[in-house]
N, C-alpha and C. Protein backbone atom coordinates (compact mmCIF):
# COMPACT_ATOMS: atom_id res chain seq x y z
N MET A 1 -22.37 -4.39 7.85
CA MET A 1 -21.53 -4.05 8.60
C MET A 1 -20.54 -3.42 8.04
N ALA A 2 -19.67 -2.25 8.54
CA ALA A 2 -18.70 -1.28 7.99
C ALA A 2 -17.44 -2.00 8.09
N LYS A 3 -16.65 -1.62 7.18
CA LYS A 3 -15.27 -2.11 6.96
C LYS A 3 -14.39 -0.83 7.28
N GLU A 4 -13.60 -1.23 8.45
CA GLU A 4 -12.61 -0.27 8.94
C GLU A 4 -11.39 -0.21 8.31
N THR A 5 -10.68 0.70 7.94
CA THR A 5 -9.41 0.71 7.22
C THR A 5 -8.41 1.98 8.20
N LYS A 6 -7.47 1.86 8.37
CA LYS A 6 -6.69 3.02 8.88
C LYS A 6 -6.03 3.73 7.66
N VAL A 7 -6.09 5.08 7.97
CA VAL A 7 -5.50 6.20 6.95
C VAL A 7 -4.67 6.87 7.72
N ILE A 8 -3.42 7.15 6.83
CA ILE A 8 -2.35 8.06 7.63
C ILE A 8 -2.31 9.35 6.70
N HIS A 9 -2.48 10.49 7.44
CA HIS A 9 -2.54 11.81 7.04
C HIS A 9 -1.23 12.36 7.00
N VAL A 10 -0.60 12.63 6.15
CA VAL A 10 1.03 13.34 6.04
C VAL A 10 0.53 14.70 5.61
N HIS A 11 1.08 15.80 6.14
CA HIS A 11 1.12 17.27 5.70
C HIS A 11 2.54 17.62 6.02
N LEU A 12 3.00 18.08 4.60
CA LEU A 12 4.43 18.49 4.34
C LEU A 12 4.11 19.98 4.79
N ILE A 13 4.98 20.35 5.71
CA ILE A 13 4.72 21.83 6.22
C ILE A 13 5.34 22.74 5.23
N PHE A 14 6.26 22.53 4.91
CA PHE A 14 7.26 23.78 3.90
C PHE A 14 6.49 23.54 2.38
N LYS A 15 6.03 22.47 2.12
CA LYS A 15 5.53 22.37 0.77
C LYS A 15 4.08 22.38 0.41
N LYS A 16 3.30 22.65 1.64
CA LYS A 16 2.25 22.86 2.01
C LYS A 16 1.25 22.03 0.84
N THR A 17 1.64 20.56 1.43
CA THR A 17 1.05 19.41 0.81
C THR A 17 0.48 18.41 1.65
N SER A 18 -0.57 17.83 1.53
CA SER A 18 -1.38 16.97 2.20
C SER A 18 -1.62 15.90 1.37
N ARG A 19 -1.30 14.52 1.90
CA ARG A 19 -1.62 13.15 1.18
C ARG A 19 -2.16 12.19 2.34
N PHE A 20 -3.07 11.32 1.70
CA PHE A 20 -3.49 10.39 2.48
C PHE A 20 -3.10 8.96 2.08
N PHE A 21 -2.55 8.01 3.08
CA PHE A 21 -2.19 6.74 2.67
C PHE A 21 -2.79 5.73 3.49
N GLY A 22 -2.73 4.60 2.89
CA GLY A 22 -3.24 3.06 3.48
C GLY A 22 -2.09 2.59 4.36
N SER A 23 -0.64 2.73 3.84
CA SER A 23 0.20 2.20 4.84
C SER A 23 1.60 3.07 5.26
N ILE A 24 2.38 2.82 5.84
CA ILE A 24 3.68 3.49 6.25
C ILE A 24 4.52 3.35 4.82
N SER A 25 4.39 1.93 4.27
CA SER A 25 5.17 1.93 2.94
C SER A 25 4.83 2.62 2.01
N ALA A 26 3.36 2.70 1.62
CA ALA A 26 2.96 3.67 0.63
C ALA A 26 3.49 5.20 1.02
N ILE A 27 3.94 5.74 2.21
CA ILE A 27 4.47 7.09 2.27
C ILE A 27 5.80 7.02 1.72
N TYR A 28 6.52 6.21 1.84
CA TYR A 28 8.14 6.10 1.33
C TYR A 28 8.22 5.46 0.00
N SER A 29 6.94 5.26 -0.58
CA SER A 29 7.00 4.98 -2.31
C SER A 29 6.88 6.48 -2.77
N GLU A 30 6.21 7.43 -2.01
CA GLU A 30 5.70 8.67 -2.51
C GLU A 30 6.83 10.13 -2.11
N PHE A 31 7.44 9.71 -0.80
CA PHE A 31 8.35 10.69 -0.38
C PHE A 31 9.33 9.97 0.31
N THR A 32 10.70 10.72 0.38
CA THR A 32 11.91 10.06 0.80
C THR A 32 11.65 10.59 2.54
N ALA A 33 12.78 9.91 3.45
CA ALA A 33 12.86 10.15 4.56
C ALA A 33 13.25 11.44 4.83
N GLU A 34 14.13 11.88 3.96
CA GLU A 34 14.72 13.16 4.18
C GLU A 34 13.49 14.21 3.78
N GLU A 35 12.57 14.21 3.05
CA GLU A 35 11.45 15.07 2.55
C GLU A 35 10.44 15.39 3.97
N ILE A 36 10.15 14.03 4.69
CA ILE A 36 9.04 14.07 5.62
C ILE A 36 9.84 14.15 7.04
N GLY A 37 11.45 13.91 7.14
CA GLY A 37 11.89 14.21 8.54
C GLY A 37 11.90 13.27 9.53
N ILE A 38 11.48 11.94 9.01
CA ILE A 38 11.74 10.81 9.84
C ILE A 38 11.58 9.41 9.08
N THR A 39 12.64 8.32 9.26
CA THR A 39 12.81 7.26 8.54
C THR A 39 11.67 6.27 8.59
N GLU A 40 11.57 5.46 7.65
CA GLU A 40 10.32 4.47 7.90
C GLU A 40 10.53 3.72 8.97
N GLU A 41 11.81 3.41 9.46
CA GLU A 41 11.93 2.33 10.61
C GLU A 41 11.36 3.14 11.86
N THR A 42 11.72 4.49 12.32
CA THR A 42 11.33 5.30 13.20
C THR A 42 9.96 5.40 13.28
N LEU A 43 9.35 5.66 11.94
CA LEU A 43 8.07 5.65 11.91
C LEU A 43 7.17 4.23 12.26
N ARG A 44 7.43 3.31 11.88
CA ARG A 44 7.00 2.23 12.35
C ARG A 44 7.14 1.80 13.88
N HIS A 45 8.25 2.39 14.77
CA HIS A 45 8.47 2.01 15.90
C HIS A 45 7.40 3.15 16.68
N LYS A 46 6.86 4.16 16.13
CA LYS A 46 6.02 5.05 16.84
C LYS A 46 4.92 4.47 17.36
N GLY A 47 4.25 3.29 16.49
CA GLY A 47 3.02 2.98 17.06
C GLY A 47 2.06 3.67 16.73
N LEU A 48 1.91 3.55 15.28
CA LEU A 48 0.86 4.67 14.70
C LEU A 48 -0.81 3.73 14.85
N SER A 49 -1.61 4.03 16.06
CA SER A 49 -2.72 3.67 16.37
C SER A 49 -3.61 4.62 15.85
N ASP A 50 -4.78 4.31 16.01
CA ASP A 50 -6.13 5.46 15.67
C ASP A 50 -5.84 6.61 16.55
N GLY A 51 -6.11 7.69 15.92
CA GLY A 51 -5.96 9.10 16.68
C GLY A 51 -4.85 9.66 17.09
N VAL A 52 -3.66 8.66 17.02
CA VAL A 52 -2.05 9.33 17.18
C VAL A 52 -1.78 10.48 16.10
N SER A 53 -1.37 11.69 16.82
CA SER A 53 -0.67 12.56 16.05
C SER A 53 0.40 13.10 16.49
N PHE A 54 1.58 13.17 15.60
CA PHE A 54 2.83 13.68 15.97
C PHE A 54 3.48 14.76 14.94
N ALA A 55 4.20 15.23 15.09
CA ALA A 55 4.89 16.32 14.05
C ALA A 55 6.51 16.23 14.28
N THR A 56 7.21 16.34 12.90
CA THR A 56 8.74 16.35 13.00
C THR A 56 8.88 18.08 12.33
N LYS A 57 10.03 18.32 12.07
CA LYS A 57 10.40 19.53 11.90
C LYS A 57 10.07 19.95 10.24
N LYS A 58 9.55 18.73 9.44
CA LYS A 58 9.18 18.67 8.19
C LYS A 58 7.99 18.62 7.82
N SER A 59 6.83 17.67 8.81
CA SER A 59 5.59 16.98 8.56
C SER A 59 4.95 16.85 9.59
N ASP A 60 3.63 16.73 9.38
CA ASP A 60 2.96 16.54 10.45
C ASP A 60 2.06 15.10 10.22
N HIS A 61 2.00 14.19 10.93
CA HIS A 61 1.35 13.06 11.08
C HIS A 61 -0.10 12.52 11.64
N THR A 62 -1.13 12.08 11.12
CA THR A 62 -1.99 11.87 11.99
C THR A 62 -2.82 10.72 11.54
N THR A 63 -3.13 9.50 12.41
CA THR A 63 -3.68 8.28 11.83
C THR A 63 -5.23 8.16 12.17
N ARG A 64 -6.03 7.91 11.42
CA ARG A 64 -7.34 8.01 11.65
C ARG A 64 -8.11 6.51 11.04
N SER A 65 -9.31 6.33 11.31
CA SER A 65 -9.96 5.00 10.74
C SER A 65 -10.89 5.57 9.50
N ALA A 66 -11.03 5.19 8.65
CA ALA A 66 -11.92 5.50 7.66
C ALA A 66 -13.12 4.20 7.65
N TYR A 67 -14.29 4.49 7.41
CA TYR A 67 -15.23 3.15 7.37
C TYR A 67 -15.81 3.52 5.99
N SER A 68 -16.15 2.13 5.48
CA SER A 68 -16.86 1.82 4.10
C SER A 68 -18.10 1.02 4.38
N LYS A 69 -18.92 1.23 3.75
CA LYS A 69 -20.13 0.37 3.75
C LYS A 69 -20.05 -0.62 2.63
N ARG A 70 -20.24 -1.99 3.02
CA ARG A 70 -20.43 -3.18 2.06
C ARG A 70 -21.78 -2.89 1.36
N THR A 71 -21.52 -3.05 -0.16
CA THR A 71 -22.93 -3.06 -0.64
C THR A 71 -22.94 -4.36 -1.48
N LYS A 72 -23.96 -4.70 -1.84
CA LYS A 72 -24.61 -6.03 -2.62
C LYS A 72 -24.91 -5.44 -4.08
N ILE A 73 -24.11 -6.44 -4.88
CA ILE A 73 -24.50 -6.49 -6.27
C ILE A 73 -25.38 -7.03 -6.90
N ALA A 74 -26.33 -6.46 -7.25
CA ALA A 74 -27.33 -7.07 -7.98
C ALA A 74 -26.92 -7.61 -9.27
N PHE A 75 -27.29 -9.20 -9.57
CA PHE A 75 -27.29 -9.76 -10.93
C PHE A 75 -28.51 -9.98 -11.36
């Protein structure tokens, strides 16, 4: 059975940079609220569920699910 993980895509419009994160906290360890145009608290209140997209004046945000296959390790 596949394991599901939430992935948050952040695209900085003016820097033309895209990054992928596994949590909201990880976004703010890389960028400041000033750089992305939204505070961590406000982003948490947005309720980032799968498929949700929104934009600020400085960045675009999209949340998707990523799936990985569990593998068996042979000993």
